Each structure stands twice: as C-alpha cells, then as structure tokens.
C-alpha cells in the first residue's frame, strides 16, 4: 500500500517559513538542499514531512512566480514503482519527470501529473 510521504508547499522565503513551522507546530528541520530545480527545506513532525520549496530566478520547478505561495505537490512512498507507474497511467495520469538520485540528500522522486 502506498503511504503519504510529504506535502510540498512553495513559499517565497524558506527561512521565514521554516521558523514559522518550528515555532508554531514544533516541527524539526531534517534536510536542506539547493538545486537547479529549486531549493528545499524539509521539515518533519516525526510522522510526515513538509517540504518547503523556493524557486529563485533561474530554477526550473516553480509555479506562479517567485512570490507565489501554496500547495505544490504531494509525495507518496510506494512498494513498487513500475506497478504504480502502470496504475497511474491506466487511470489517466501521465509521467512528468524524474529528479536525479540524491537531490538534497533525498531518495529519487518520479513525478506524475494526475
């Protein structure tokens, strides 16, 4: 069974957003990375992760411009990527991209549009 791994939100200021989730909800910082796709600060409550994303000028993963804030995507851990890929496509989803292994110290992500 697939499990929700993270919720990703695009924010205009990573540090300000990280401090908010630390101070208000007691979340902990678990990983940080700057990549050509964008920058990420991973937060965790110990059960699920919150990926705070920021996309400075010249990065390629953002939506709505550098000051846009909102839900960017959700991530799932699956038992079998090939089986899940087939199920996604059979149900109207389409392949979008795969991030290179080790981006921001995280496992590789394969992205689909539903």
Protein backbone atom coordinates (compact mmCIF):
# COMPACT_ATOMS: atom_id res chain seq x y z
CA UNK A 1 0.00 0.00 0.00
CA UNK A 2 1.26 3.50 -0.81
CA UNK A 3 1.87 5.88 2.06
CA UNK A 4 1.80 9.66 2.02
CA UNK A 5 5.42 10.74 2.42
CA UNK A 6 5.32 14.50 2.20
CA UNK A 7 3.29 17.56 1.39
CA UNK A 8 5.22 20.19 -0.56
CA UNK A 9 4.42 23.87 -0.35
CA UNK A 10 6.01 26.62 -2.40
CA UNK A 11 6.98 29.61 -0.26
CA UNK A 12 8.64 32.94 -1.09
CA UNK A 13 11.04 32.76 1.92
CA UNK A 14 12.39 29.37 3.10
CA UNK A 15 13.88 30.59 6.37
CA UNK A 16 10.80 32.55 7.42
CA UNK A 17 8.54 29.58 6.60
CA UNK A 18 10.83 27.09 8.41
CA UNK A 19 10.87 29.27 11.53
CA UNK A 20 7.07 29.51 11.45
CA UNK A 21 6.60 25.72 11.38
CA UNK A 22 9.26 25.24 14.08
CA UNK A 23 7.78 27.84 16.45
CA UNK A 24 4.10 27.18 15.88
CA UNK A 25 3.98 23.39 15.39
CA UNK A 26 7.29 22.19 16.88
CA UNK A 27 8.45 20.71 13.55
CA UNK A 28 12.12 19.83 13.11
CA UNK A 29 14.42 20.55 10.17
CA UNK A 30 15.56 17.25 8.65
CA UNK A 31 17.23 18.12 5.31
CA UNK A 32 18.15 21.20 3.28
CA UNK A 33 19.21 21.50 -0.34
CA UNK A 34 19.74 23.97 -3.15
CA UNK A 35 19.38 22.50 -6.63
CA UNK A 36 18.84 23.62 -10.23
CA UNK A 37 15.18 22.61 -9.75
CA UNK A 38 14.74 24.83 -6.70
CA UNK A 39 15.59 24.95 -3.02
CA UNK A 40 14.06 22.81 -0.30
CA UNK A 41 13.87 22.81 3.48
CA UNK A 42 12.41 19.52 4.70
CA UNK A 43 10.54 19.70 7.99
CA UNK A 44 9.08 16.81 9.98
CA UNK A 45 6.67 16.26 12.83
CA UNK A 46 8.13 12.76 13.25
CA UNK A 47 5.40 11.11 11.16
CA UNK A 48 5.11 13.04 7.91
CA UNK A 49 7.36 15.56 6.19
CA UNK A 50 6.57 19.05 5.00
CA UNK A 51 8.74 20.09 2.06
CA UNK A 52 9.08 23.86 1.91
CA UNK A 53 10.10 24.80 -1.63
CA UNK A 54 11.50 28.03 -3.02
CA UNK A 55 12.32 28.74 -6.64
CA UNK A 56 14.79 31.60 -7.12
CA UNK A 57 15.26 33.17 -10.55
CA UNK A 58 16.85 30.65 -12.90
CA UNK A 59 15.48 27.49 -11.25
CA UNK A 60 13.02 25.34 -13.17
CA UNK A 61 10.50 23.80 -10.76
CA UNK A 62 8.35 26.69 -9.58
CA UNK A 63 4.87 27.78 -10.44
CA UNK A 64 3.28 31.21 -10.35
CA UNK A 65 6.46 33.27 -9.93
CA UNK A 66 8.93 33.74 -7.05
CA UNK A 67 6.38 35.29 -4.65
CA UNK A 68 3.67 32.68 -5.21
CA UNK A 69 2.81 30.53 -2.18
CA UNK A 70 0.66 27.43 -2.00
CA UNK A 71 0.42 23.68 -2.43
CA UNK A 72 3.00 22.47 -4.94
CA UNK A 73 2.61 18.67 -4.81
CA UNK A 74 2.19 15.63 -2.59
CA UNK A 75 4.60 12.72 -2.45
CA UNK A 76 3.94 9.03 -1.82
CA UNK A 77 6.22 6.14 -0.97
CA UNK A 78 5.19 3.08 -2.99
CA UNK A 79 6.13 -0.58 -2.76
CA UNK A 80 6.75 -1.00 -6.50
CA UNK A 81 7.45 1.98 -8.77
CA UNK A 82 6.80 0.05 -12.00
CA UNK A 83 3.43 -1.28 -10.88
CA UNK A 84 2.43 2.14 -9.55
CA UNK A 85 3.54 3.82 -12.80
CA UNK A 86 1.29 1.46 -14.75
CA UNK A 87 -1.64 2.14 -12.42
CA UNK A 88 -1.13 5.90 -12.70
CA UNK A 89 -1.15 5.76 -16.50
CA UNK A 90 -4.10 3.34 -16.63
CA UNK A 91 -6.06 5.83 -14.55
CA UNK A 92 -5.32 8.92 -16.63
CA UNK A 93 -2.10 10.15 -15.06
CA UNK A 94 0.98 10.98 -17.10
CA UNK A 95 4.71 10.90 -16.47
CA UNK A 96 6.24 14.32 -15.82
CA UNK A 97 9.90 13.95 -14.77
CA UNK A 98 12.38 12.14 -12.55
CA UNK A 99 14.69 14.02 -10.22
CA UNK A 100 18.31 12.85 -10.18
CA UNK A 101 19.28 10.49 -7.34
CA UNK A 102 20.48 12.27 -4.21
CA UNK A 103 18.92 15.70 -4.80
CA UNK A 104 19.01 17.45 -1.42
CA UNK A 105 20.03 14.16 0.21
CA UNK A 106 16.65 12.63 -0.55
CA UNK A 107 15.63 9.49 -2.41
CA UNK A 108 14.92 9.94 -6.10
CA UNK A 109 11.45 11.11 -6.96
CA UNK A 110 9.48 10.23 -10.04
CA UNK A 111 6.85 12.83 -10.74
CA UNK A 112 3.49 12.34 -12.41
CA UNK A 113 0.58 14.62 -13.19
CA UNK A 114 -2.81 13.24 -12.22
